[in-house]
Amino acid sequence: MIAFSSISKQYGGQLLFLEASFQINAGEKVGLVGPNGAGKSTIFRMLVGEEEPDDGTVEKPKKLGIGYFRQDVGDLKGRSILAETCAGAGEVATLADELVHLEQRMEAAGDDFDDVVMRFGEVQARYQDLGGYELEARAQTILAGLGFRTEQVASDVGTLSGGWKMRVALAQILLARPPLLLLDEPTNYLDIESILWLEGFLRDYAGTVVMTFHDRDIMNRVVSKIVEIDGGEIRTYGGNYEFYEAARVVETARREAAYARQQARLAKESLFIERFKTHTAKAAQVQSRIKKLDKVEKIEPPRRIIEKDYEYRTPPRSGDDVVKLDKLGKRYGERIIHTDLTMIIGRKERWAVMGENGAGKSTLLKMIAGALTPDQGSATIGASVTLGYYAQHVMDGLGGDLTILEELQAHAPNANQGTLRGIAGAFGFHDDDVFKPIRVLSGGERARLALAKLLYEAPNLLVLDEPTNHLDIITKRALVRSLVNYEGTLIFVSHDRQFLRALATRVLELTSAGPRVYGGSYEEYVASTGREAPGMRQT
């Protein structure tokens, strides 16, 4: 279906691909993986024709329909959520608009009436073939799967937050059902319910899907091929993400062994040349070996995925009662979010706050962190508690002309450079990365920097709202490892199942019937409720 043949691409001094080749076949579900900046988005832009390789070719069918979901959705406004979703449904949406126009022309009964009727019949037949008359019903189903309530879809799309507009943009592309779906981190703004629905949708999708995900669960359950981009090379692995990780370990070991063997041979030849280069009797052999060395195709040292841990300071001990919620209540207009929520969070407990969209998870965390005032009751922080709060606005507040290292130095003026570089490395900023200005950082890089600053402070209460959004799998693993050994209290909202399984020792589920407490791990919560299984909901 699609073939990348010997492509090379370079931006300034950064080489993304060098004579790289791979193929995507019809109907395949492909996971595109690699470090941030490796060139995953560049592959997408080449597929849609926004960029061309410096060398090589990208071969694809001339009339290939492509749906491309990316992280910038533009300014959606002026239509209802449902209408906006239908308007983005590709050819079928264009045909719907033409049908309305042709109906108006038929009503006008002009001189071209017969031609208009004929064209109406052609358009109507194509519209029906594409499922146009079921368009709204399908749009309703997709919007519901992505977390929109039935009564919500008639609202103006312009009133939505950026994250919810992203869901509308995703719904448009899924509704269009193009032969090729390109999805760039579509789960960043979805909760678990919506992720599970999307997982099932993609698994059953009849077309070809190429996607970047930082959620290994989806990669394991959906994709059948992994395309890895790293260090200018592109490698293909037939299998899911778990297979890819195992295969990569084996391949890396093989490449390292081949590199070591060649280095040993080269060293032996070089030693001979150096030893006998002044010996007349050996001159012919020396020259022969020099020519032989010049012809040897050197094996590059295998690139290793860098995973660093940061050993941050042990937080000071807090009192036993870390957070006390007393008849806590919050409402927005007529909509009640929380009412009479009462509980105590104890020292060193790790609470995952669960619930469907709109249940009030982020609202609760804001009230605990003091970023939002409750309408009734109170959220009180206990004795000797030092609080660290991470949410989207913390990441958005980073900016200016400071470099990453300068930002960390300003935040921790008494820390030495080794310490600061250590925490920067744990969050994916290696070597010269620390000199990048903050203004050029991606959303994922800003998220990593904000988390690095927060963990350096070593508070004994961490309140984290979707901390893994924008994080790649490697950085996510480093964060999980650091929090597993964390000596303080943890309250968090996350849609990442790996994160939940590794950290949660208590679950607070917010439901329409009121809060429910599960005094065990996330896996025990899933076993009790069945909520992680796609399509299953407890009634």
Protein backbone atom coordinates (compact mmCIF):
# COMPACT_ATOMS: atom_id res chain seq x y z
CA MET A 1 0.00 0.00 0.00
CA ILE A 2 2.71 2.49 1.04
CA ALA A 3 6.48 2.19 0.57
CA PHE A 4 9.23 4.42 1.95
CA SER A 5 12.25 3.69 -0.23
CA SER A 6 15.77 4.83 0.79
CA ILE A 7 14.48 8.07 2.31
CA SER A 8 16.84 10.61 3.88
CA LYS A 9 15.82 13.73 5.78
CA GLN A 10 17.83 16.35 7.60
CA TYR A 11 16.91 19.55 9.45
CA GLY A 12 19.97 21.77 9.78
CA GLY A 13 22.53 19.61 11.57
CA GLN A 14 19.99 17.03 12.75
CA LEU A 15 19.80 13.87 10.67
CA LEU A 16 16.43 12.13 11.00
CA PHE A 17 16.68 9.39 8.38
CA LEU A 18 19.51 8.07 6.25
CA GLU A 19 18.55 5.81 3.34
CA ALA A 20 15.76 4.27 5.42
CA SER A 21 13.12 1.95 3.97
CA PHE A 22 9.95 0.30 5.23
CA GLN A 23 6.51 -0.69 4.01
CA ILE A 24 2.94 -0.38 5.30
CA ASN A 25 0.48 -2.91 3.92
CA ALA A 26 -3.28 -2.50 3.54
CA GLY A 27 -5.21 -3.24 6.71
CA GLU A 28 -2.17 -3.24 9.01
CA LYS A 29 -2.21 -1.62 12.45
CA VAL A 30 1.23 -0.05 12.82
CA GLY A 31 2.78 1.51 15.92
CA LEU A 32 5.38 4.20 15.22
CA VAL A 33 7.90 4.43 18.08
CA GLY A 34 11.09 6.31 18.85
CA PRO A 35 12.47 9.02 21.13
CA ASN A 36 11.03 12.53 21.05
CA GLY A 37 12.45 14.32 18.02
CA ALA A 38 13.33 11.07 16.21
CA GLY A 39 11.07 11.95 13.27
CA LYS A 40 7.70 10.28 13.91
CA SER A 41 5.72 13.42 13.03
CA THR A 42 7.90 13.90 9.95
CA ILE A 43 6.81 10.45 8.72
CA PHE A 44 3.18 11.55 9.13
CA ARG A 45 3.80 14.80 7.25
CA MET A 46 5.44 12.86 4.40
CA LEU A 47 2.41 10.57 4.21
CA VAL A 48 0.00 13.49 3.83
CA GLY A 49 2.30 15.32 1.41
CA GLU A 50 3.20 18.23 3.68
CA GLU A 51 6.90 17.33 3.44
CA GLU A 52 9.14 15.51 0.99
CA PRO A 53 12.27 13.48 1.77
CA ASP A 54 15.59 15.04 0.82
CA ASP A 55 16.37 11.80 -1.01
CA GLY A 56 14.39 8.66 -1.76
CA THR A 57 10.68 8.26 -2.46
CA VAL A 58 7.37 7.78 -0.68
CA GLU A 59 5.10 5.66 -2.86
CA LYS A 60 1.37 5.49 -2.18
CA PRO A 61 -1.88 5.24 -4.17
CA LYS A 62 -2.74 8.54 -5.86
CA LYS A 63 -6.27 8.72 -4.46
CA LEU A 64 -5.58 7.36 -1.00
CA GLY A 65 -7.99 8.86 1.52
CA ILE A 66 -6.12 9.88 4.68
CA GLY A 67 -7.41 11.03 8.06
CA TYR A 68 -4.72 12.73 10.14
CA PHE A 69 -5.24 13.46 13.83
CA ARG A 70 -2.57 15.72 15.28
CA GLN A 71 -2.15 17.76 18.45
CA ASP A 72 -3.16 21.14 16.97
CA VAL A 73 -6.86 21.22 16.12
CA GLY A 74 -7.40 24.87 15.25
CA ASP A 75 -10.23 27.11 16.41
CA LEU A 76 -13.50 25.18 16.34
CA LYS A 77 -16.61 27.33 16.89
CA GLY A 78 -19.93 28.38 15.42
CA ARG A 79 -21.54 24.93 15.17
CA SER A 80 -22.91 22.38 17.58
CA ILE A 81 -20.61 19.55 18.65
CA LEU A 82 -22.67 17.11 16.58
CA ALA A 83 -22.73 19.37 13.50
CA GLU A 84 -18.98 20.02 13.75
CA THR A 85 -18.30 16.31 13.94
CA CYS A 86 -20.45 15.57 10.89
CA ALA A 87 -18.91 18.49 8.98
CA GLY A 88 -15.48 16.92 9.25
CA ALA A 89 -16.53 13.54 7.88
CA GLY A 90 -14.74 13.96 4.56
CA GLU A 91 -16.47 13.20 1.25
CA VAL A 92 -19.78 12.27 2.84
CA ALA A 93 -19.96 15.69 4.56
CA THR A 94 -19.22 17.44 1.25
CA LEU A 95 -21.97 15.43 -0.43
CA ALA A 96 -24.42 16.34 2.35
CA ASP A 97 -23.76 20.05 1.73
CA GLU A 98 -24.21 19.55 -2.01
CA LEU A 99 -27.52 17.74 -1.49
CA VAL A 100 -28.86 20.69 0.51
CA HIS A 101 -27.74 23.08 -2.25
CA LEU A 102 -29.30 20.93 -4.99
CA GLU A 103 -32.61 20.70 -3.08
CA GLN A 104 -32.74 24.50 -2.94
CA ARG A 105 -32.10 24.70 -6.68
CA MET A 106 -34.84 22.14 -7.39
CA GLU A 107 -37.29 24.16 -5.32
CA ALA A 108 -36.40 27.22 -7.36
CA ALA A 109 -37.37 25.24 -10.53
CA GLY A 110 -34.98 27.09 -12.84
CA ASP A 111 -34.19 26.39 -16.49
CA ASP A 112 -31.61 23.81 -15.48
CA PHE A 113 -34.13 21.78 -13.43
CA ASP A 114 -33.54 18.51 -15.34
CA ASP A 115 -29.76 18.79 -14.97
CA VAL A 116 -30.14 19.53 -11.25
CA VAL A 117 -32.41 16.49 -10.76
CA MET A 118 -29.92 14.28 -12.56
CA ARG A 119 -27.03 15.57 -10.46
CA PHE A 120 -29.13 15.15 -7.29
CA GLY A 121 -29.67 11.48 -8.15
CA GLU A 122 -25.93 10.93 -8.65
CA VAL A 123 -24.99 12.67 -5.43
CA GLN A 124 -27.74 10.94 -3.46
CA ALA A 125 -26.61 7.51 -4.66
CA ARG A 126 -23.01 8.19 -3.66
CA TYR A 127 -24.15 9.66 -0.34
CA GLN A 128 -26.18 6.53 0.39
CA ASP A 129 -23.29 4.24 -0.58
CA LEU A 130 -21.06 6.04 1.93
CA GLY A 131 -23.63 5.64 4.71
CA GLY A 132 -24.63 9.28 4.73
CA TYR A 133 -28.13 8.67 6.04
CA GLU A 134 -26.66 6.96 9.11
CA LEU A 135 -24.06 9.72 9.56
CA GLU A 136 -25.65 11.45 12.56
CA ALA A 137 -26.33 8.16 14.33
CA ARG A 138 -22.72 7.07 13.82
CA ALA A 139 -21.48 10.48 14.97
CA GLN A 140 -23.59 10.17 18.14
CA THR A 141 -22.07 6.74 18.84
CA ILE A 142 -18.50 7.98 18.35
CA LEU A 143 -19.05 11.09 20.47
CA ALA A 144 -20.54 8.95 23.24
CA GLY A 145 -17.53 6.65 23.04
CA LEU A 146 -15.23 9.64 23.43
CA GLY A 147 -17.04 10.80 26.55
CA PHE A 148 -19.69 13.27 25.36
CA ARG A 149 -23.07 13.10 27.10
CA THR A 150 -26.18 12.89 24.91
CA GLU A 151 -27.46 16.29 26.06
CA GLN A 152 -24.04 17.86 25.48
CA VAL A 153 -23.72 17.33 21.71
CA ALA A 154 -26.17 20.12 20.85
CA SER A 155 -23.93 22.69 22.60
CA ASP A 156 -21.68 25.10 20.68
CA VAL A 157 -18.30 23.47 20.07
CA GLY A 158 -16.70 26.86 20.76
CA THR A 159 -17.55 26.59 24.46
CA LEU A 160 -15.36 23.50 24.90
CA SER A 161 -11.88 23.48 26.41
CA GLY A 162 -8.89 22.63 24.24
CA GLY A 163 -8.87 19.02 25.42
CA TRP A 164 -12.53 18.50 24.54
CA LYS A 165 -12.04 20.15 21.14
CA MET A 166 -9.32 17.56 20.55
CA ARG A 167 -11.96 14.88 21.10
CA VAL A 168 -14.23 16.50 18.51
CA ALA A 169 -11.35 16.58 16.01
CA LEU A 170 -10.70 12.89 16.70
CA ALA A 171 -14.42 12.11 16.29
CA GLN A 172 -14.42 13.82 12.88
CA ILE A 173 -11.63 11.61 11.61
CA LEU A 174 -13.08 8.39 13.01
CA LEU A 175 -16.46 9.26 11.49
CA ALA A 176 -14.89 9.79 8.05
CA ARG A 177 -13.56 6.19 8.05
CA PRO A 178 -10.64 6.92 5.66
CA PRO A 179 -8.64 4.00 4.22
CA LEU A 180 -5.59 5.29 6.13
CA LEU A 181 -5.78 6.64 9.69
CA LEU A 182 -2.80 8.59 11.05
CA LEU A 183 -3.11 9.13 14.80
CA ASP A 184 -0.55 11.22 16.67
CA GLU A 185 -1.00 10.59 20.41
CA PRO A 186 -4.84 10.55 20.34
CA THR A 187 -5.19 9.43 23.99
CA ASN A 188 -3.52 12.47 25.60
CA TYR A 189 -6.86 14.04 26.52
CA LEU A 190 -8.95 10.90 27.01
CA ASP A 191 -9.93 9.18 30.23
CA ILE A 192 -9.80 5.41 30.69
CA GLU A 193 -13.40 4.83 29.57
CA SER A 194 -12.76 6.66 26.30
CA ILE A 195 -9.37 5.01 25.81
CA LEU A 196 -10.95 1.58 26.15
CA TRP A 197 -13.64 2.52 23.63
CA LEU A 198 -11.01 3.83 21.19
CA GLU A 199 -8.97 0.67 21.68
CA GLY A 200 -11.93 -1.46 20.59
CA PHE A 201 -12.72 0.87 17.67
CA LEU A 202 -9.17 0.69 16.30
CA ARG A 203 -8.89 -3.06 16.79
CA ASP A 204 -12.03 -3.57 14.66
CA TYR A 205 -11.21 -0.85 12.12
CA ALA A 206 -11.24 -2.17 8.56
CA GLY A 207 -8.69 0.30 7.20
CA THR A 208 -4.98 0.84 7.79
CA VAL A 209 -3.89 2.57 10.99
CA VAL A 210 -0.51 4.18 11.72
CA MET A 211 -0.27 5.63 15.20
CA THR A 212 2.03 6.97 17.88
CA PHE A 213 1.04 6.07 21.42
CA HIS A 214 2.70 6.38 24.80
CA ASP A 215 0.27 3.78 26.15
CA ARG A 216 1.85 0.34 25.90
CA ASP A 217 -1.47 -1.37 26.69
CA ILE A 218 -3.04 -0.07 23.48
CA MET A 219 0.11 -0.91 21.51
CA ASN A 220 -0.06 -4.48 22.84
CA ARG A 221 -3.75 -4.93 22.12
CA VAL A 222 -4.10 -3.17 18.76
CA VAL A 223 -0.92 -3.08 16.67
CA SER A 224 0.56 -5.97 14.69
CA LYS A 225 3.69 -4.17 13.52
CA ILE A 226 6.14 -1.78 15.18
CA VAL A 227 8.19 0.68 13.13
CA GLU A 228 11.05 2.07 15.21
CA ILE A 229 12.82 5.33 14.31
CA ASP A 230 16.11 5.94 16.08
CA GLY A 231 19.44 7.46 15.14
CA GLY A 232 18.64 7.89 11.45
CA GLU A 233 17.58 4.26 11.04
CA ILE A 234 14.11 2.75 10.65
CA ARG A 235 13.56 -0.86 11.72
CA THR A 236 10.40 -2.96 11.43
CA TYR A 237 9.26 -5.58 13.94
CA GLY A 238 6.31 -7.90 13.22
CA GLY A 239 4.35 -7.99 16.45
CA ASN A 240 2.97 -5.85 19.26
CA TYR A 241 4.93 -3.60 21.61
CA GLU A 242 5.82 -6.37 24.06
CA PHE A 243 7.25 -8.44 21.19
CA TYR A 244 9.16 -5.38 19.95
CA GLU A 245 10.78 -4.77 23.34
CA ALA A 246 11.93 -8.39 23.61
CA ALA A 247 13.13 -8.48 20.00
CA ARG A 248 15.00 -5.20 20.41
CA VAL A 249 16.93 -6.58 23.40
CA VAL A 250 17.97 -9.64 21.35
CA GLU A 251 18.89 -7.54 18.32
CA THR A 252 20.84 -5.02 20.39
CA ALA A 253 22.83 -7.85 22.00
CA ARG A 254 23.55 -9.32 18.55
CA ARG A 255 24.65 -5.94 17.15
CA GLU A 256 26.84 -5.27 20.19
CA ALA A 257 28.49 -8.68 19.79
CA ALA A 258 29.10 -8.03 16.07
CA TYR A 259 30.50 -4.57 16.88
CA ALA A 260 32.81 -6.02 19.56
CA ARG A 261 34.07 -8.74 17.21
CA GLN A 262 34.83 -6.23 14.47
CA GLN A 263 36.56 -3.88 16.90
CA ALA A 264 38.76 -6.77 18.06
CA ARG A 265 39.66 -7.63 14.45
CA LEU A 266 40.38 -3.98 13.59
CA ALA A 267 42.51 -3.59 16.69
CA LYS A 268 44.51 -6.69 15.75
CA GLU A 269 45.10 -5.41 12.20
CA SER A 270 45.99 -1.92 13.46
CA LEU A 271 48.45 -3.39 15.94
CA PHE A 272 50.16 -5.35 13.12
CA ILE A 273 50.37 -2.22 10.95
CA GLU A 274 51.77 -0.10 13.77
CA ARG A 275 54.29 -2.77 14.78
CA PHE A 276 55.69 -3.48 11.32
CA LYS A 277 55.18 -0.19 9.42
CA THR A 278 58.94 0.53 9.51
CA HIS A 279 60.00 -3.02 8.61
CA THR A 280 61.03 -3.23 4.96
CA ALA A 281 60.47 -6.99 4.87
CA LYS A 282 56.85 -6.55 5.97
CA ALA A 283 56.07 -3.52 3.78
CA ALA A 284 53.90 -5.45 1.31
CA GLN A 285 51.86 -7.05 4.10
CA VAL A 286 51.43 -3.70 5.85
CA GLN A 287 50.17 -2.02 2.67
CA SER A 288 47.85 -4.95 1.98
CA ARG A 289 46.34 -4.72 5.44
CA ILE A 290 45.96 -0.92 5.21
CA LYS A 291 44.01 -1.34 1.95
CA LYS A 292 41.96 -4.10 3.53
CA LEU A 293 41.07 -1.87 6.50
CA ASP A 294 40.05 0.96 4.18
CA LYS A 295 37.54 -1.35 2.47
CA VAL A 296 35.98 -2.65 5.66
CA GLU A 297 32.42 -1.40 6.19
CA LYS A 298 32.55 -0.22 9.78
CA ILE A 299 29.78 -1.36 12.12
CA GLU A 300 28.40 1.54 14.11
CA PRO A 301 28.15 1.03 17.88
CA PRO A 302 24.54 0.09 18.66
CA ARG A 303 22.47 2.89 20.13
CA ARG A 304 21.09 2.09 23.55
CA ILE A 305 17.86 3.53 24.91
CA ILE A 306 18.96 5.70 27.83
CA GLU A 307 16.96 5.21 30.99
CA LYS A 308 18.11 7.16 34.03
CA ASP A 309 16.71 7.20 37.53
CA TYR A 310 16.75 10.22 39.79
CA GLU A 311 17.28 9.64 43.49
CA TYR A 312 15.56 12.66 45.00
CA ARG A 313 15.65 13.66 48.62
CA THR A 314 13.56 11.85 51.19
CA PRO A 315 10.59 14.08 52.07
CA PRO A 316 10.13 15.16 55.68
CA ARG A 317 7.65 13.16 57.73
CA SER A 318 4.10 14.50 57.82
CA GLY A 319 1.40 13.92 60.40
CA ASP A 320 -0.68 10.75 60.13
CA ASP A 321 -3.77 12.58 58.79
CA VAL A 322 -2.53 14.18 55.57
CA VAL A 323 -5.80 15.41 54.00
CA LYS A 324 -9.20 15.74 55.65
CA LEU A 325 -12.30 16.23 53.49
CA ASP A 326 -15.29 17.34 55.56
CA LYS A 327 -18.69 17.48 53.80
CA LEU A 328 -16.96 18.84 50.72
CA GLY A 329 -19.28 20.23 48.03
CA LYS A 330 -18.88 21.88 44.64
CA ARG A 331 -21.27 22.79 41.86
CA TYR A 332 -21.11 24.61 38.54
CA GLY A 333 -24.41 26.38 37.94
CA GLU A 334 -27.16 23.82 38.37
CA ARG A 335 -24.78 20.89 38.02
CA ILE A 336 -23.68 19.32 41.29
CA ILE A 337 -20.15 17.91 41.08
CA HIS A 338 -19.50 16.95 44.73
CA THR A 339 -21.75 16.87 47.74
CA ASP A 340 -20.96 15.93 51.36
CA LEU A 341 -17.69 14.21 50.44
CA THR A 342 -16.06 13.18 53.72
CA MET A 343 -12.89 11.13 54.13
CA ILE A 344 -9.38 11.15 55.60
CA ILE A 345 -6.27 10.38 53.57
CA GLY A 346 -3.52 8.88 55.71
CA ARG A 347 0.25 9.19 55.54
CA LYS A 348 1.98 7.20 52.76
CA GLU A 349 -1.33 6.13 51.19
CA ARG A 350 -1.51 6.21 47.39
CA TRP A 351 -4.95 7.15 46.13
CA ALA A 352 -6.03 6.86 42.51
CA VAL A 353 -9.10 9.01 41.83
CA MET A 354 -11.28 7.32 39.20
CA GLY A 355 -14.52 8.22 37.45
CA GLU A 356 -16.04 9.02 34.09
CA ASN A 357 -15.66 12.39 32.35
CA GLY A 358 -17.34 15.14 34.32
CA ALA A 359 -17.30 13.15 37.57
CA GLY A 360 -15.17 15.85 39.20
CA LYS A 361 -11.75 14.20 39.44
CA SER A 362 -9.70 17.29 38.55
CA THR A 363 -12.08 19.49 40.55
CA LEU A 364 -11.40 17.41 43.66
CA LEU A 365 -7.63 17.61 43.18
CA LYS A 366 -7.84 21.38 42.72
CA MET A 367 -9.73 21.75 46.00
CA ILE A 368 -7.23 19.55 47.84
CA ALA A 369 -4.36 21.61 46.39
CA GLY A 370 -6.05 24.90 47.32
CA ALA A 371 -6.38 25.98 43.69
CA LEU A 372 -10.19 25.98 43.92
CA THR A 373 -12.51 26.98 46.75
CA PRO A 374 -15.28 24.52 47.68
CA ASP A 375 -18.87 25.78 47.81
CA GLN A 376 -19.44 23.92 51.05
CA GLY A 377 -17.38 22.01 53.59
CA SER A 378 -13.61 22.00 53.57
CA ALA A 379 -10.45 20.32 52.33
CA THR A 380 -7.83 20.64 55.07
CA ILE A 381 -4.15 19.80 54.83
CA GLY A 382 -2.73 18.11 57.94
CA ALA A 383 0.16 18.98 60.22
CA SER A 384 3.68 19.22 58.73
CA VAL A 385 2.38 18.56 55.21
CA THR A 386 4.29 20.10 52.29
CA LEU A 387 2.26 19.94 49.11
CA GLY A 388 3.37 19.57 45.51
CA TYR A 389 0.71 19.98 42.84
CA TYR A 390 1.04 19.10 39.17
CA ALA A 391 -1.60 19.96 36.58
CA GLN A 392 -1.82 21.24 33.02
CA HIS A 393 -1.54 24.90 34.03
CA VAL A 394 1.84 24.25 35.66
CA MET A 395 3.22 23.09 32.32
CA ASP A 396 1.62 26.00 30.47
CA GLY A 397 3.29 28.46 32.85
CA LEU A 398 6.78 27.58 31.62
CA GLY A 399 8.23 29.98 29.09
CA GLY A 400 10.72 32.70 28.39
CA ASP A 401 14.26 32.60 27.09
CA LEU A 402 15.80 30.55 29.90
CA THR A 403 17.32 27.21 28.99
CA ILE A 404 16.26 24.00 30.72
CA LEU A 405 19.37 24.08 32.91
CA GLU A 406 18.88 27.78 33.74
CA GLU A 407 15.25 27.12 34.69
CA LEU A 408 16.34 24.33 37.05
CA GLN A 409 19.10 26.53 38.49
CA ALA A 410 16.61 29.35 39.13
CA HIS A 411 14.30 26.87 40.83
CA ALA A 412 17.06 25.30 42.93
CA PRO A 413 19.88 27.88 43.29
CA ASN A 414 21.71 25.87 45.96
CA ALA A 415 21.91 22.65 43.95
CA ASN A 416 25.08 21.80 42.05
CA GLN A 417 25.12 21.18 38.31
CA GLY A 418 25.61 17.45 38.75
CA THR A 419 22.38 17.17 40.74
CA LEU A 420 20.44 19.29 38.25
CA ARG A 421 21.80 17.38 35.26
CA GLY A 422 20.90 14.16 37.07
CA ILE A 423 17.24 15.05 37.42
CA ALA A 424 17.20 16.50 33.88
CA GLY A 425 18.57 13.19 32.58
CA ALA A 426 15.95 11.21 34.50
CA PHE A 427 13.29 13.16 32.63
CA GLY A 428 14.81 12.70 29.19
CA PHE A 429 17.08 15.75 28.85
CA HIS A 430 20.49 14.32 28.04
CA ASP A 431 23.82 16.04 27.29
CA ASP A 432 23.27 19.26 25.28
CA ASP A 433 19.47 18.99 25.61
CA VAL A 434 19.76 21.00 28.85
CA PHE A 435 20.79 24.07 26.83
CA LYS A 436 17.56 24.15 24.78
CA PRO A 437 15.48 27.32 25.37
CA ILE A 438 12.15 26.62 27.04
CA ARG A 439 10.27 28.56 24.36
CA VAL A 440 11.12 25.90 21.74
CA LEU A 441 10.11 22.90 23.88
CA SER A 442 7.25 20.64 22.85
CA GLY A 443 4.32 19.93 25.16
CA GLY A 444 5.93 16.67 26.26
CA GLU A 445 9.24 18.37 27.05
CA ARG A 446 7.50 21.06 29.10
CA ALA A 447 5.62 18.39 31.04
CA ARG A 448 8.88 16.62 31.84
CA LEU A 449 10.54 19.84 32.99
CA ALA A 450 7.59 20.73 35.25
CA LEU A 451 7.70 17.27 36.84
CA ALA A 452 11.47 17.50 37.33
CA LYS A 453 11.06 20.78 39.22
CA LEU A 454 8.25 19.37 41.35
CA LEU A 455 10.09 16.20 42.37
CA TYR A 456 13.25 18.11 43.23
CA GLU A 457 11.27 19.89 45.96
CA ALA A 458 10.53 16.48 47.60
CA PRO A 459 7.14 17.43 49.11
CA ASN A 460 5.56 14.82 51.39
CA LEU A 461 2.19 15.13 49.59
CA LEU A 462 2.05 14.88 45.80
CA VAL A 463 -1.21 15.78 44.04
CA LEU A 464 -0.85 14.83 40.37
CA ASP A 465 -3.47 15.47 37.69
CA GLU A 466 -2.68 13.36 34.59
CA PRO A 467 1.10 13.43 35.10
CA THR A 468 1.79 11.02 32.23
CA ASN A 469 0.12 13.10 29.52
CA HIS A 470 2.72 13.89 26.82
CA LEU A 471 5.33 11.60 28.40
CA ASP A 472 6.97 8.98 26.21
CA ILE A 473 7.17 5.39 27.43
CA ILE A 474 10.79 5.68 28.61
CA THR A 475 10.19 8.82 30.69
CA LYS A 476 6.96 7.35 32.03
CA ARG A 477 8.84 4.29 33.25
CA ALA A 478 11.40 6.52 34.98
CA LEU A 479 8.61 8.47 36.69
CA VAL A 480 6.91 5.27 37.85
CA ARG A 481 10.18 3.91 39.24
CA SER A 482 10.81 7.12 41.17
CA LEU A 483 7.28 7.20 42.62
CA VAL A 484 7.34 3.52 43.60
CA ASN A 485 10.09 4.46 46.08
CA TYR A 486 8.43 7.74 47.13
CA GLU A 487 8.13 8.03 50.92
CA GLY A 488 5.24 10.50 50.97
CA THR A 489 1.50 10.48 50.25
CA LEU A 490 0.20 10.35 46.71
CA ILE A 491 -3.17 11.44 45.27
CA PHE A 492 -3.48 11.26 41.52
CA VAL A 493 -5.68 11.10 38.46
CA SER A 494 -4.32 9.12 35.53
CA HIS A 495 -5.64 7.32 32.48
CA ASP A 496 -2.45 5.30 32.11
CA ARG A 497 -3.04 1.73 33.22
CA GLN A 498 0.64 0.95 33.73
CA PHE A 499 0.89 3.97 36.06
CA LEU A 500 -2.25 2.94 37.93
CA ARG A 501 -1.18 -0.68 38.35
CA ALA A 502 2.26 0.29 39.63
CA LEU A 503 1.23 2.92 42.18
CA ALA A 504 -2.36 2.80 43.43
CA THR A 505 -2.94 1.20 46.85
CA ARG A 506 -6.38 2.81 47.29
CA VAL A 507 -9.05 3.80 44.75
CA LEU A 508 -11.64 6.55 45.16
CA GLU A 509 -14.26 6.21 42.43
CA LEU A 510 -16.53 9.18 41.82
CA THR A 511 -19.92 8.09 40.50
CA SER A 512 -23.32 9.68 39.95
CA ALA A 513 -24.54 7.69 42.97
CA GLY A 514 -21.77 9.12 45.14
CA PRO A 515 -18.16 8.27 45.97
CA ARG A 516 -17.05 4.66 46.40
CA VAL A 517 -13.87 3.65 48.19
CA TYR A 518 -11.88 0.53 47.30
CA GLY A 519 -9.24 -0.31 49.90
CA GLY A 520 -6.85 -2.10 47.58
CA SER A 521 -4.74 -1.81 44.44
CA TYR A 522 -5.93 -0.80 40.99
CA GLU A 523 -5.88 -4.44 39.87
CA GLU A 524 -8.13 -5.36 42.80
CA TYR A 525 -10.44 -2.50 41.80
CA VAL A 526 -10.59 -3.82 38.21
CA ALA A 527 -11.26 -7.35 39.45
CA SER A 528 -14.05 -6.04 41.66
CA THR A 529 -15.73 -3.81 39.06
CA GLY A 530 -14.71 -5.22 35.65
CA ARG A 531 -14.28 -1.67 34.41
CA GLU A 532 -11.03 -2.12 32.53
CA ALA A 533 -12.47 -4.64 30.09
CA PRO A 534 -13.44 -2.82 26.85
CA GLY A 535 -17.15 -2.17 26.60
CA MET A 536 -17.93 -3.30 30.14
CA ARG A 537 -19.49 -0.96 32.63
CA GLN A 538 -20.99 -1.74 35.99
CA THR A 539 -24.56 -0.53 36.31
